[in-house]
N, C-alpha and C. Protein backbone atom coordinates (compact mmCIF):
# COMPACT_ATOMS: atom_id res chain seq x y z
N MET A 1 23.26 37.24 -81.84
CA MET A 1 23.55 36.28 -82.88
C MET A 1 23.32 34.88 -82.32
N ASN A 2 22.54 34.10 -82.98
CA ASN A 2 22.25 32.75 -82.51
C ASN A 2 23.09 31.74 -83.26
N GLU A 3 23.65 30.77 -82.55
CA GLU A 3 24.34 29.69 -83.20
C GLU A 3 23.32 28.65 -83.61
N LEU A 4 23.47 28.10 -84.81
CA LEU A 4 22.48 27.16 -85.30
C LEU A 4 22.73 25.74 -84.87
N SER A 5 23.93 25.21 -85.17
CA SER A 5 24.06 23.80 -84.89
C SER A 5 25.44 23.31 -84.46
N TYR A 6 26.49 24.07 -84.71
CA TYR A 6 27.80 23.52 -84.42
C TYR A 6 28.75 24.62 -84.01
N SER A 7 29.54 24.39 -83.01
CA SER A 7 30.61 25.30 -82.63
C SER A 7 31.80 24.47 -82.21
N LYS A 8 32.94 24.70 -82.85
CA LYS A 8 34.15 23.95 -82.53
C LYS A 8 34.72 24.47 -81.23
N GLY A 9 35.13 23.60 -80.38
CA GLY A 9 35.69 23.99 -79.10
C GLY A 9 37.05 24.63 -79.24
N PRO A 10 37.49 25.37 -78.24
CA PRO A 10 38.79 26.03 -78.29
C PRO A 10 39.91 25.00 -78.36
N GLY A 11 40.93 25.35 -79.13
CA GLY A 11 42.09 24.49 -79.23
C GLY A 11 41.96 23.35 -80.22
N ALA A 12 40.81 23.20 -80.87
CA ALA A 12 40.67 22.14 -81.87
C ALA A 12 41.49 22.50 -83.09
N PRO A 13 42.22 21.54 -83.65
CA PRO A 13 43.11 21.86 -84.76
C PRO A 13 42.35 22.12 -86.04
N ALA A 14 42.93 22.96 -86.89
CA ALA A 14 42.40 23.19 -88.23
C ALA A 14 43.47 22.76 -89.22
N THR A 15 43.05 22.33 -90.40
CA THR A 15 43.99 21.94 -91.43
C THR A 15 43.86 22.89 -92.58
N ALA A 16 44.90 22.97 -93.41
CA ALA A 16 44.93 23.95 -94.50
C ALA A 16 43.74 23.83 -95.42
N GLY A 17 43.36 22.66 -95.83
CA GLY A 17 42.24 22.53 -96.73
C GLY A 17 41.04 21.92 -96.07
N GLY A 18 41.15 21.54 -94.80
CA GLY A 18 40.04 20.94 -94.12
C GLY A 18 39.88 19.48 -94.46
N LEU A 19 40.85 18.87 -95.15
CA LEU A 19 40.77 17.46 -95.51
C LEU A 19 41.56 16.62 -94.53
N ALA A 20 41.12 15.40 -94.33
CA ALA A 20 41.80 14.48 -93.43
C ALA A 20 43.02 13.89 -94.13
N ALA A 21 43.89 13.28 -93.34
CA ALA A 21 45.02 12.56 -93.91
C ALA A 21 44.48 11.47 -94.83
N PRO A 22 45.23 11.10 -95.88
CA PRO A 22 44.72 10.20 -96.89
C PRO A 22 44.27 8.82 -96.40
N THR A 23 44.72 8.38 -95.24
CA THR A 23 44.41 7.01 -94.82
C THR A 23 43.24 6.90 -93.84
N GLU A 24 42.64 8.01 -93.45
CA GLU A 24 41.59 7.92 -92.45
C GLU A 24 40.29 8.57 -92.92
N ALA A 25 39.22 8.21 -92.24
CA ALA A 25 37.93 8.84 -92.52
C ALA A 25 37.89 10.18 -91.80
N ALA A 26 37.11 11.09 -92.32
CA ALA A 26 37.00 12.41 -91.69
C ALA A 26 35.56 12.87 -91.75
N GLN A 27 35.27 13.88 -90.93
CA GLN A 27 33.94 14.44 -90.92
C GLN A 27 33.91 15.71 -91.75
N TYR A 28 32.81 15.90 -92.45
CA TYR A 28 32.61 17.05 -93.32
C TYR A 28 31.23 17.65 -93.05
N LEU A 29 31.17 18.96 -92.99
CA LEU A 29 29.89 19.66 -92.92
C LEU A 29 29.39 19.83 -94.34
N THR A 30 28.21 19.31 -94.63
CA THR A 30 27.63 19.46 -95.97
C THR A 30 26.63 20.61 -95.95
N PHE A 31 26.54 21.28 -97.09
CA PHE A 31 25.63 22.40 -97.22
C PHE A 31 25.22 22.55 -98.67
N MET A 32 24.11 23.23 -98.87
CA MET A 32 23.59 23.47 -100.21
C MET A 32 24.02 24.85 -100.67
N LEU A 33 24.32 24.92 -101.95
CA LEU A 33 24.71 26.18 -102.58
C LEU A 33 24.27 26.10 -104.03
N GLY A 34 23.31 26.90 -104.40
CA GLY A 34 22.82 26.89 -105.78
C GLY A 34 22.27 25.55 -106.20
N GLY A 35 21.64 24.82 -105.28
CA GLY A 35 21.04 23.53 -105.61
C GLY A 35 22.01 22.37 -105.63
N GLU A 36 23.29 22.62 -105.34
CA GLU A 36 24.30 21.56 -105.32
C GLU A 36 24.79 21.36 -103.89
N MET A 37 25.28 20.13 -103.62
CA MET A 37 25.80 19.83 -102.29
C MET A 37 27.33 19.98 -102.28
N PHE A 38 27.81 20.74 -101.31
CA PHE A 38 29.23 20.95 -101.10
C PHE A 38 29.56 20.56 -99.66
N ALA A 39 30.85 20.45 -99.36
CA ALA A 39 31.27 20.12 -98.00
C ALA A 39 32.60 20.77 -97.68
N ILE A 40 32.77 21.05 -96.40
CA ILE A 40 34.03 21.57 -95.87
C ILE A 40 34.41 20.66 -94.71
N GLY A 41 35.70 20.34 -94.61
CA GLY A 41 36.18 19.54 -93.50
C GLY A 41 35.84 20.20 -92.18
N ILE A 42 35.31 19.43 -91.26
CA ILE A 42 34.81 19.94 -89.99
C ILE A 42 35.92 20.61 -89.16
N LEU A 43 37.17 20.19 -89.35
CA LEU A 43 38.27 20.78 -88.58
C LEU A 43 38.54 22.24 -88.96
N SER A 44 38.04 22.67 -90.12
CA SER A 44 38.21 24.06 -90.54
C SER A 44 37.07 24.95 -90.05
N ILE A 45 36.03 24.35 -89.49
CA ILE A 45 34.83 25.11 -89.13
C ILE A 45 34.88 25.51 -87.66
N LYS A 46 34.70 26.79 -87.45
CA LYS A 46 34.70 27.32 -86.09
C LYS A 46 33.28 27.32 -85.53
N GLU A 47 32.32 27.78 -86.33
CA GLU A 47 30.92 27.78 -85.91
C GLU A 47 30.02 28.11 -87.09
N ILE A 48 28.72 27.98 -86.85
CA ILE A 48 27.70 28.29 -87.85
C ILE A 48 26.75 29.27 -87.20
N ILE A 49 26.49 30.38 -87.90
CA ILE A 49 25.58 31.39 -87.34
C ILE A 49 24.49 31.72 -88.36
N GLU A 50 23.40 32.28 -87.85
CA GLU A 50 22.35 32.75 -88.73
C GLU A 50 22.86 33.92 -89.57
N TYR A 51 22.31 34.03 -90.77
CA TYR A 51 22.64 35.18 -91.60
C TYR A 51 21.95 36.40 -91.00
N HIS A 52 22.67 37.47 -90.85
CA HIS A 52 22.09 38.72 -90.38
C HIS A 52 22.71 39.86 -91.16
N ASP A 53 22.30 41.05 -90.88
CA ASP A 53 22.79 42.20 -91.62
C ASP A 53 24.31 42.30 -91.54
N LEU A 54 24.90 42.57 -92.69
CA LEU A 54 26.35 42.74 -92.78
C LEU A 54 26.66 44.22 -92.92
N THR A 55 27.84 44.60 -92.53
CA THR A 55 28.32 45.95 -92.81
C THR A 55 29.06 45.89 -94.13
N VAL A 56 28.56 46.62 -95.11
CA VAL A 56 29.17 46.62 -96.44
C VAL A 56 30.38 47.54 -96.42
N VAL A 57 31.48 47.06 -96.97
CA VAL A 57 32.71 47.84 -97.05
C VAL A 57 32.84 48.33 -98.49
N PRO A 58 32.94 49.64 -98.71
CA PRO A 58 33.01 50.16 -100.08
C PRO A 58 34.22 49.62 -100.84
N MET A 59 34.03 49.49 -102.16
CA MET A 59 35.10 49.12 -103.10
C MET A 59 35.70 47.75 -102.84
N MET A 60 34.90 46.82 -102.39
CA MET A 60 35.34 45.44 -102.19
C MET A 60 34.97 44.63 -103.43
N PRO A 61 35.68 43.54 -103.65
CA PRO A 61 35.30 42.63 -104.74
C PRO A 61 33.87 42.12 -104.51
N ALA A 62 33.20 41.75 -105.58
CA ALA A 62 31.80 41.28 -105.49
C ALA A 62 31.67 40.06 -104.58
N SER A 63 32.71 39.27 -104.47
CA SER A 63 32.62 38.06 -103.66
C SER A 63 32.74 38.32 -102.16
N ILE A 64 33.10 39.52 -101.76
CA ILE A 64 33.15 39.86 -100.33
C ILE A 64 31.90 40.68 -100.03
N ARG A 65 30.93 40.05 -99.34
CA ARG A 65 29.64 40.72 -99.07
C ARG A 65 29.76 41.82 -98.04
N GLY A 66 30.69 41.70 -97.13
CA GLY A 66 30.86 42.69 -96.07
C GLY A 66 31.56 42.07 -94.88
N VAL A 67 31.34 42.67 -93.72
CA VAL A 67 31.96 42.18 -92.49
C VAL A 67 30.90 42.04 -91.42
N ILE A 68 31.18 41.18 -90.43
CA ILE A 68 30.32 41.03 -89.27
C ILE A 68 31.16 41.22 -88.02
N ASN A 69 30.48 41.53 -86.94
CA ASN A 69 31.10 41.63 -85.64
C ASN A 69 30.85 40.29 -84.95
N LEU A 70 31.88 39.50 -84.81
CA LEU A 70 31.77 38.19 -84.17
C LEU A 70 32.47 38.24 -82.81
N ARG A 71 31.69 38.48 -81.78
CA ARG A 71 32.21 38.61 -80.42
C ARG A 71 33.40 39.57 -80.35
N GLY A 72 33.25 40.73 -80.98
CA GLY A 72 34.27 41.77 -80.92
C GLY A 72 35.28 41.74 -82.04
N ALA A 73 35.32 40.69 -82.86
CA ALA A 73 36.27 40.62 -83.97
C ALA A 73 35.56 40.96 -85.28
N VAL A 74 36.24 41.68 -86.14
CA VAL A 74 35.71 42.00 -87.46
C VAL A 74 36.07 40.84 -88.38
N VAL A 75 35.03 40.19 -88.92
CA VAL A 75 35.23 39.00 -89.75
C VAL A 75 34.65 39.25 -91.14
N PRO A 76 35.48 39.12 -92.19
CA PRO A 76 34.95 39.27 -93.55
C PRO A 76 34.04 38.11 -93.91
N VAL A 77 33.02 38.40 -94.73
CA VAL A 77 32.07 37.37 -95.15
C VAL A 77 32.13 37.24 -96.67
N ILE A 78 32.43 36.03 -97.12
CA ILE A 78 32.59 35.73 -98.55
C ILE A 78 31.30 35.10 -99.07
N ASP A 79 30.84 35.57 -100.22
CA ASP A 79 29.70 34.98 -100.90
C ASP A 79 30.24 33.88 -101.82
N LEU A 80 30.04 32.62 -101.44
CA LEU A 80 30.60 31.52 -102.24
C LEU A 80 30.03 31.48 -103.65
N GLN A 81 28.76 31.83 -103.81
CA GLN A 81 28.18 31.84 -105.16
C GLN A 81 28.96 32.82 -106.05
N ALA A 82 29.19 34.04 -105.56
CA ALA A 82 29.94 35.03 -106.32
C ALA A 82 31.39 34.58 -106.50
N ARG A 83 31.95 33.94 -105.49
CA ARG A 83 33.33 33.45 -105.56
C ARG A 83 33.49 32.42 -106.66
N PHE A 84 32.42 31.66 -106.91
CA PHE A 84 32.44 30.65 -107.95
C PHE A 84 32.03 31.21 -109.30
N GLY A 85 31.84 32.53 -109.38
CA GLY A 85 31.48 33.15 -110.64
C GLY A 85 30.01 33.05 -110.99
N ARG A 86 29.18 32.81 -110.01
CA ARG A 86 27.73 32.69 -110.21
C ARG A 86 27.03 33.91 -109.63
N ALA A 87 25.74 34.04 -109.96
CA ALA A 87 24.94 35.11 -109.38
C ALA A 87 24.70 34.80 -107.90
N ALA A 88 24.68 35.83 -107.09
CA ALA A 88 24.44 35.64 -105.65
C ALA A 88 23.04 35.11 -105.43
N ALA A 89 22.91 34.17 -104.52
CA ALA A 89 21.61 33.59 -104.20
C ALA A 89 20.86 34.54 -103.27
N PRO A 90 19.55 34.56 -103.36
CA PRO A 90 18.79 35.40 -102.42
C PRO A 90 18.90 34.85 -101.00
N VAL A 91 18.83 35.75 -100.04
CA VAL A 91 18.89 35.36 -98.64
C VAL A 91 17.52 34.85 -98.22
N THR A 92 17.49 33.66 -97.60
CA THR A 92 16.24 33.06 -97.13
C THR A 92 16.36 32.78 -95.63
N LYS A 93 15.33 32.18 -95.06
CA LYS A 93 15.36 31.81 -93.64
C LYS A 93 16.45 30.78 -93.34
N ARG A 94 16.83 29.97 -94.34
CA ARG A 94 17.82 28.91 -94.12
C ARG A 94 19.25 29.36 -94.42
N THR A 95 19.43 30.55 -94.96
CA THR A 95 20.77 31.04 -95.28
C THR A 95 21.58 31.17 -94.00
N CYS A 96 22.82 30.68 -94.04
CA CYS A 96 23.71 30.70 -92.88
C CYS A 96 25.07 31.27 -93.26
N ILE A 97 25.80 31.64 -92.24
CA ILE A 97 27.21 32.00 -92.41
C ILE A 97 28.01 30.95 -91.66
N VAL A 98 28.88 30.25 -92.39
CA VAL A 98 29.76 29.26 -91.79
C VAL A 98 31.09 29.97 -91.53
N ILE A 99 31.46 30.03 -90.27
CA ILE A 99 32.73 30.67 -89.89
C ILE A 99 33.82 29.62 -89.98
N VAL A 100 34.80 29.89 -90.84
CA VAL A 100 35.91 28.95 -91.02
C VAL A 100 37.20 29.56 -90.51
N GLU A 101 38.09 28.70 -90.09
CA GLU A 101 39.39 29.12 -89.58
C GLU A 101 40.42 28.19 -90.20
N ILE A 102 41.39 28.77 -90.89
CA ILE A 102 42.41 27.94 -91.54
C ILE A 102 43.80 28.39 -91.10
N ASP A 103 44.71 27.43 -91.13
CA ASP A 103 46.11 27.74 -90.83
C ASP A 103 46.74 28.43 -92.03
N GLU A 104 47.58 29.41 -91.75
CA GLU A 104 48.34 30.08 -92.79
C GLU A 104 49.77 29.54 -92.77
N PRO A 105 50.46 29.66 -93.91
CA PRO A 105 51.83 29.13 -93.98
C PRO A 105 52.78 29.72 -92.94
N ASP A 106 52.53 30.98 -92.52
CA ASP A 106 53.42 31.62 -91.55
C ASP A 106 53.10 31.24 -90.10
N GLY A 107 52.17 30.31 -89.92
CA GLY A 107 51.84 29.84 -88.58
C GLY A 107 50.64 30.52 -87.96
N GLY A 108 50.11 31.55 -88.60
CA GLY A 108 48.94 32.24 -88.07
C GLY A 108 47.66 31.56 -88.50
N ARG A 109 46.55 32.20 -88.19
CA ARG A 109 45.24 31.68 -88.57
C ARG A 109 44.44 32.76 -89.26
N GLN A 110 43.63 32.35 -90.22
CA GLN A 110 42.74 33.25 -90.94
C GLN A 110 41.31 32.84 -90.64
N VAL A 111 40.48 33.82 -90.26
CA VAL A 111 39.08 33.56 -89.96
C VAL A 111 38.23 34.34 -90.95
N ALA A 112 37.24 33.67 -91.53
CA ALA A 112 36.31 34.33 -92.45
C ALA A 112 34.98 33.60 -92.38
N GLY A 113 33.94 34.27 -92.82
CA GLY A 113 32.63 33.66 -92.92
C GLY A 113 32.32 33.38 -94.38
N VAL A 114 31.63 32.29 -94.66
CA VAL A 114 31.18 31.99 -96.01
C VAL A 114 29.67 31.82 -95.98
N VAL A 115 28.99 32.45 -96.93
CA VAL A 115 27.53 32.40 -97.00
C VAL A 115 27.12 31.14 -97.76
N VAL A 116 26.21 30.36 -97.16
CA VAL A 116 25.68 29.15 -97.80
C VAL A 116 24.16 29.21 -97.78
N ASP A 117 23.52 28.53 -98.73
CA ASP A 117 22.05 28.55 -98.82
C ASP A 117 21.41 27.84 -97.63
N ALA A 118 21.97 26.71 -97.24
CA ALA A 118 21.43 25.94 -96.11
C ALA A 118 22.44 24.91 -95.67
N VAL A 119 22.58 24.72 -94.37
CA VAL A 119 23.45 23.69 -93.83
C VAL A 119 22.67 22.38 -93.82
N SER A 120 23.31 21.28 -94.23
CA SER A 120 22.62 19.99 -94.29
C SER A 120 22.93 19.13 -93.08
N GLU A 121 24.13 18.52 -93.06
CA GLU A 121 24.49 17.61 -91.98
C GLU A 121 25.99 17.40 -91.94
N VAL A 122 26.46 16.77 -90.88
CA VAL A 122 27.86 16.37 -90.79
C VAL A 122 27.94 14.91 -91.21
N LEU A 123 28.82 14.62 -92.16
CA LEU A 123 28.98 13.26 -92.68
C LEU A 123 30.38 12.75 -92.45
N ASP A 124 30.50 11.45 -92.16
CA ASP A 124 31.80 10.78 -92.16
C ASP A 124 32.05 10.29 -93.57
N ILE A 125 33.18 10.70 -94.15
CA ILE A 125 33.53 10.25 -95.49
C ILE A 125 34.90 9.58 -95.41
N ALA A 126 34.94 8.32 -95.77
CA ALA A 126 36.20 7.57 -95.75
C ALA A 126 37.10 8.04 -96.88
N ALA A 127 38.39 8.00 -96.64
CA ALA A 127 39.36 8.41 -97.65
C ALA A 127 39.18 7.61 -98.95
N ALA A 128 38.78 6.35 -98.84
CA ALA A 128 38.57 5.51 -100.02
C ALA A 128 37.39 5.99 -100.86
N ASP A 129 36.50 6.78 -100.27
CA ASP A 129 35.33 7.30 -100.98
C ASP A 129 35.54 8.70 -101.54
N ILE A 130 36.77 9.17 -101.52
CA ILE A 130 37.08 10.50 -102.05
C ILE A 130 37.92 10.36 -103.31
N GLU A 131 37.42 10.95 -104.38
CA GLU A 131 38.11 10.95 -105.68
C GLU A 131 38.81 12.29 -105.86
N PRO A 132 39.84 12.33 -106.72
CA PRO A 132 40.50 13.62 -106.98
C PRO A 132 39.54 14.58 -107.67
N PRO A 133 39.86 15.88 -107.64
CA PRO A 133 38.98 16.86 -108.28
C PRO A 133 38.86 16.58 -109.78
N PRO A 134 37.67 16.79 -110.35
CA PRO A 134 37.51 16.61 -111.78
C PRO A 134 38.22 17.73 -112.53
N LEU A 135 38.67 17.45 -113.73
CA LEU A 135 39.35 18.46 -114.53
C LEU A 135 38.37 19.40 -115.21
N PHE A 136 37.12 18.98 -115.34
CA PHE A 136 36.12 19.83 -115.99
C PHE A 136 34.73 19.41 -115.54
N GLY A 137 33.75 20.27 -115.78
CA GLY A 137 32.35 19.91 -115.58
C GLY A 137 31.80 20.09 -114.19
N ALA A 138 32.57 20.60 -113.24
CA ALA A 138 32.05 20.74 -111.87
C ALA A 138 31.33 22.06 -111.65
N GLY A 139 31.49 23.02 -112.55
CA GLY A 139 30.87 24.32 -112.36
C GLY A 139 31.59 25.19 -111.35
N VAL A 140 32.73 24.73 -110.85
CA VAL A 140 33.55 25.44 -109.88
C VAL A 140 35.00 25.28 -110.34
N ARG A 141 35.81 26.32 -110.16
CA ARG A 141 37.22 26.21 -110.54
C ARG A 141 37.83 24.98 -109.89
N SER A 142 38.59 24.21 -110.67
CA SER A 142 39.13 22.95 -110.15
C SER A 142 40.09 23.15 -108.99
N ASP A 143 40.77 24.30 -108.91
CA ASP A 143 41.68 24.52 -107.78
C ASP A 143 40.93 24.83 -106.48
N PHE A 144 39.62 25.09 -106.57
CA PHE A 144 38.80 25.29 -105.37
C PHE A 144 38.28 23.96 -104.82
N ILE A 145 38.48 22.88 -105.56
CA ILE A 145 37.95 21.58 -105.17
C ILE A 145 39.07 20.69 -104.63
N ALA A 146 38.90 20.20 -103.42
CA ALA A 146 39.88 19.30 -102.80
C ALA A 146 39.63 17.86 -103.22
N GLY A 147 38.40 17.54 -103.58
CA GLY A 147 38.05 16.19 -103.99
C GLY A 147 36.54 16.07 -104.14
N VAL A 148 36.12 14.90 -104.55
CA VAL A 148 34.69 14.62 -104.68
C VAL A 148 34.39 13.38 -103.85
N GLY A 149 33.53 13.54 -102.86
CA GLY A 149 33.17 12.43 -101.99
C GLY A 149 31.94 11.70 -102.52
N LYS A 150 31.95 10.38 -102.34
CA LYS A 150 30.80 9.57 -102.72
C LYS A 150 30.08 9.16 -101.44
N VAL A 151 28.83 9.64 -101.31
CA VAL A 151 28.06 9.39 -100.10
C VAL A 151 26.64 8.98 -100.49
N ARG A 152 26.25 7.78 -100.07
CA ARG A 152 24.89 7.28 -100.31
C ARG A 152 24.46 7.46 -101.76
N GLY A 153 25.32 7.13 -102.69
CA GLY A 153 24.98 7.20 -104.10
C GLY A 153 24.99 8.60 -104.69
N ARG A 154 25.42 9.59 -103.92
CA ARG A 154 25.50 10.98 -104.41
C ARG A 154 26.94 11.46 -104.35
N PHE A 155 27.21 12.47 -105.13
CA PHE A 155 28.52 13.11 -105.08
C PHE A 155 28.43 14.39 -104.26
N VAL A 156 29.46 14.62 -103.45
CA VAL A 156 29.56 15.83 -102.65
C VAL A 156 30.89 16.47 -103.00
N ILE A 157 30.86 17.73 -103.40
CA ILE A 157 32.10 18.43 -103.77
C ILE A 157 32.76 18.93 -102.50
N LEU A 158 33.98 18.46 -102.24
CA LEU A 158 34.74 18.84 -101.05
C LEU A 158 35.58 20.07 -101.41
N LEU A 159 35.36 21.16 -100.72
CA LEU A 159 36.02 22.41 -101.06
C LEU A 159 37.38 22.57 -100.39
N ALA A 160 38.30 23.19 -101.11
CA ALA A 160 39.63 23.54 -100.60
C ALA A 160 39.52 24.95 -100.03
N VAL A 161 39.16 25.06 -98.78
CA VAL A 161 38.85 26.34 -98.15
C VAL A 161 40.02 27.31 -98.23
N ALA A 162 41.23 26.85 -97.98
CA ALA A 162 42.39 27.74 -98.00
C ALA A 162 42.54 28.40 -99.36
N ARG A 163 42.30 27.67 -100.41
CA ARG A 163 42.44 28.22 -101.76
C ARG A 163 41.30 29.20 -102.06
N ILE A 164 40.10 28.91 -101.61
CA ILE A 164 38.96 29.80 -101.85
C ILE A 164 39.18 31.15 -101.16
N LEU A 165 39.79 31.13 -99.97
CA LEU A 165 40.00 32.36 -99.22
C LEU A 165 41.28 33.09 -99.61
N ALA A 166 42.12 32.49 -100.44
CA ALA A 166 43.41 33.10 -100.81
C ALA A 166 43.18 34.38 -101.61
N LEU A 167 43.86 35.45 -101.23
CA LEU A 167 43.69 36.74 -101.89
C LEU A 167 44.07 36.68 -103.36
N GLU A 168 45.14 35.97 -103.70
CA GLU A 168 45.56 35.93 -105.09
C GLU A 168 44.54 35.23 -105.98
N ALA A 169 43.61 34.52 -105.38
CA ALA A 169 42.57 33.86 -106.15
C ALA A 169 41.34 34.74 -106.32
N LEU A 170 41.39 35.98 -105.83
CA LEU A 170 40.28 36.91 -105.99
C LEU A 170 40.48 37.72 -107.27
N PRO A 171 39.94 37.26 -108.40
CA PRO A 171 40.20 37.95 -109.66
C PRO A 171 39.56 39.32 -109.73
N ASP A 172 38.50 39.56 -109.00
CA ASP A 172 37.81 40.83 -109.11
C ASP A 172 38.39 41.92 -108.21
N SER A 173 39.36 41.61 -107.36
CA SER A 173 39.89 42.62 -106.45
C SER A 173 40.81 43.61 -107.15
N ALA A 174 41.53 43.19 -108.16
CA ALA A 174 42.45 44.08 -108.85
C ALA A 174 41.71 45.08 -109.73
N ALA A 175 40.48 44.77 -110.14
CA ALA A 175 39.74 45.64 -111.05
C ALA A 175 39.21 46.89 -110.35
N LEU A 176 39.14 46.88 -109.04
CA LEU A 176 38.59 48.01 -108.32
C LEU A 176 39.70 48.89 -107.79
N PRO A 177 39.53 50.23 -107.83
CA PRO A 177 40.55 51.11 -107.26
C PRO A 177 40.69 50.82 -105.77
N GLY A 178 41.84 50.43 -105.36
CA GLY A 178 42.08 50.11 -103.96
C GLY A 178 41.51 48.76 -103.54
N GLY A 179 40.86 48.06 -104.45
CA GLY A 179 40.20 46.80 -104.12
C GLY A 179 41.15 45.73 -103.63
N ALA A 180 42.28 45.57 -104.30
CA ALA A 180 43.23 44.54 -103.90
C ALA A 180 43.78 44.85 -102.51
N HIS A 181 44.10 46.13 -102.26
CA HIS A 181 44.63 46.50 -100.96
C HIS A 181 43.58 46.30 -99.86
N GLN A 182 42.34 46.74 -100.12
CA GLN A 182 41.30 46.59 -99.11
C GLN A 182 40.96 45.13 -98.87
N ALA A 183 40.90 44.34 -99.94
CA ALA A 183 40.63 42.90 -99.77
C ALA A 183 41.75 42.26 -98.96
N GLN A 184 42.99 42.64 -99.23
CA GLN A 184 44.13 42.13 -98.48
C GLN A 184 43.95 42.44 -96.99
N SER A 185 43.52 43.68 -96.69
CA SER A 185 43.35 44.07 -95.30
C SER A 185 42.26 43.25 -94.63
N LEU A 186 41.15 43.01 -95.33
CA LEU A 186 40.05 42.26 -94.73
C LEU A 186 40.41 40.80 -94.51
N LEU A 187 41.14 40.22 -95.43
CA LEU A 187 41.43 38.80 -95.34
C LEU A 187 42.72 38.48 -94.59
N SER A 188 43.42 39.51 -94.15
CA SER A 188 44.66 39.31 -93.40
C SER A 188 44.35 39.09 -91.94
N ARG A 189 44.92 38.05 -91.35
CA ARG A 189 44.68 37.78 -89.94
C ARG A 189 45.27 38.87 -89.06
N ASP A 190 46.32 39.54 -89.54
CA ASP A 190 46.98 40.53 -88.72
C ASP A 190 46.14 41.78 -88.52
N THR A 191 45.16 42.03 -89.41
CA THR A 191 44.39 43.26 -89.29
C THR A 191 42.99 43.02 -88.77
N LEU A 192 42.67 41.82 -88.32
CA LEU A 192 41.35 41.59 -87.74
C LEU A 192 41.27 42.41 -86.44
N ALA A 193 40.45 43.42 -86.48
CA ALA A 193 40.35 44.33 -85.34
C ALA A 193 39.29 43.84 -84.38
N THR A 194 39.32 44.41 -83.22
CA THR A 194 38.25 44.11 -82.27
C THR A 194 37.37 45.34 -82.17
N VAL A 195 36.11 45.09 -81.90
CA VAL A 195 35.12 46.14 -81.78
C VAL A 195 34.59 46.11 -80.36
N ASP A 196 34.55 47.25 -79.72
CA ASP A 196 34.05 47.29 -78.35
C ASP A 196 32.56 47.31 -78.32
């Protein structure tokens, strides 16, 4: 597995939504998804890897593409397009998996991969340039949006990673027999197994 451009060093803090405190500027990784620009706070990002074959887990929600072996750990991979209720994008040479790590309320950490069409760049976005999430018209559930950043005359949708990865926000998991239970197991930090 080759790393493309960024790997967070050990011990770097992660925040629940990947957003900076309201009074300071923060760095965000921007990426393309369905022709739109999105961003995740850099503190939530563990690394970026090339897209490669996934192991498909039967009876998973459509938004969970499968799992990967990341240095011995089983990591679920979420299709953001499907998570947003859109058709999955085809895999291309630029498709990447962004490995994110977020703090959980109980003090643990959750690690998952999210599929993106292409990684763009890391941007500094000042708190003054971030607007609250729009109530309508973004094409993404408003609770998945942490804010909208204004950068060089463009808008960048800042994602609330913790909410996107939350099991209760997976509407398609309950529809499958055993889907909710299996999705819970994949997204639970306590069951991330190691592979020899």
